[in-house]
Protein backbone atom coordinates (compact mmCIF):
# COMPACT_ATOMS: atom_id res chain seq x y z
CA MET A 1 -55.71 -55.10 92.44
CA ILE A 2 -55.29 -51.53 91.26
CA ASN A 3 -56.53 -50.75 87.76
CA SER A 4 -55.80 -47.72 85.57
CA ASN A 5 -58.44 -45.59 87.34
CA LYS A 6 -57.02 -46.35 90.79
CA PHE A 7 -53.60 -45.64 92.22
CA LYS A 8 -51.93 -45.57 95.61
CA ILE A 9 -50.61 -42.45 97.31
CA ILE A 10 -48.64 -41.80 100.47
CA VAL A 11 -49.69 -38.56 102.13
CA LYS A 12 -47.24 -36.19 103.78
CA PRO A 13 -49.32 -33.63 105.73
CA ASN A 14 -48.21 -30.23 107.10
CA ALA A 15 -46.23 -29.38 103.97
CA ARG A 16 -45.38 -25.88 102.75
CA GLU A 17 -47.28 -26.47 99.51
CA ASN A 18 -49.52 -29.03 97.87
CA ARG A 19 -47.46 -31.05 95.41
CA ILE A 20 -46.74 -34.48 94.01
CA GLU A 21 -43.15 -35.31 94.92
CA GLY A 22 -42.70 -38.39 92.78
CA PHE A 23 -43.12 -42.15 92.74
CA ASP A 24 -41.88 -44.57 95.42
CA ASN A 25 -41.00 -47.82 93.64
CA GLN A 26 -40.70 -49.81 96.86
CA ARG A 27 -44.24 -48.97 97.96
CA ASN A 28 -45.60 -48.66 94.40
CA ALA A 29 -47.19 -45.31 95.33
CA TYR A 30 -47.02 -41.61 94.56
CA ILE A 31 -45.83 -39.28 97.32
CA VAL A 32 -48.26 -36.38 97.78
CA HIS A 33 -47.56 -33.41 100.07
CA VAL A 34 -50.50 -31.38 101.40
CA LYS A 35 -50.62 -28.24 103.54
CA ALA A 36 -53.47 -29.44 105.73
CA LYS A 37 -53.03 -31.08 109.11
CA PRO A 38 -54.10 -34.70 109.55
CA GLU A 39 -57.01 -33.86 111.84
CA ASP A 40 -60.77 -33.54 111.43
CA ASN A 41 -60.55 -34.96 107.88
CA LYS A 42 -58.76 -31.78 106.70
CA ALA A 43 -55.94 -33.61 104.91
CA ASN A 44 -58.38 -35.88 103.06
CA ILE A 45 -60.40 -32.89 101.84
CA GLU A 46 -57.20 -31.13 100.75
CA ILE A 47 -56.06 -34.23 98.84
CA ILE A 48 -59.35 -34.44 96.94
CA LYS A 49 -59.29 -30.72 96.06
CA PHE A 50 -55.64 -30.85 94.97
CA LEU A 51 -56.04 -33.96 92.81
CA LEU A 52 -59.25 -32.57 91.29
CA LYS A 53 -57.29 -29.52 90.10
CA HIS A 54 -54.36 -31.68 88.95
CA PHE A 55 -56.32 -34.23 86.91
CA LYS A 56 -59.30 -32.00 86.03
CA LYS A 57 -61.51 -34.98 86.85
CA ARG A 58 -63.45 -36.00 89.92
CA VAL A 59 -61.55 -38.15 92.38
CA ARG A 60 -62.44 -40.01 95.54
CA ILE A 61 -60.57 -41.82 98.28
CA ALA A 62 -61.45 -45.48 97.75
CA SER A 63 -59.66 -46.69 100.91
CA GLY A 64 -57.29 -45.50 103.61
CA PHE A 65 -59.32 -42.66 105.14
CA LYS A 66 -57.37 -42.81 108.42
CA SER A 67 -54.04 -43.93 106.95
CA LYS A 68 -51.17 -42.17 105.21
CA GLU A 69 -51.45 -44.79 102.46
CA LYS A 70 -54.59 -44.26 100.41
CA ILE A 71 -56.12 -45.68 97.24
CA ILE A 72 -57.40 -42.89 94.99
CA GLU A 73 -59.97 -43.52 92.27
CA ILE A 74 -60.44 -41.22 89.28
CA ILE A 75 -64.13 -41.00 88.36
CA ASP A 76 -64.86 -40.54 84.64
């Protein structure tokens, strides 16, 4: 179960810019584009940095380290 501090994202690596595209109702997840390539943990690091700037709060990947679908947790 995902509470208010956790949400699901679908990562699209190798993008021109880091951005949140929108919400996918079928998958119940936000679509997040990142510039980094999905190798050597680069995309995961880029996601954390991008969401940290966006929310101005610490975030962590709760699950899905090797998947395009990830659960993100906002840490208060």
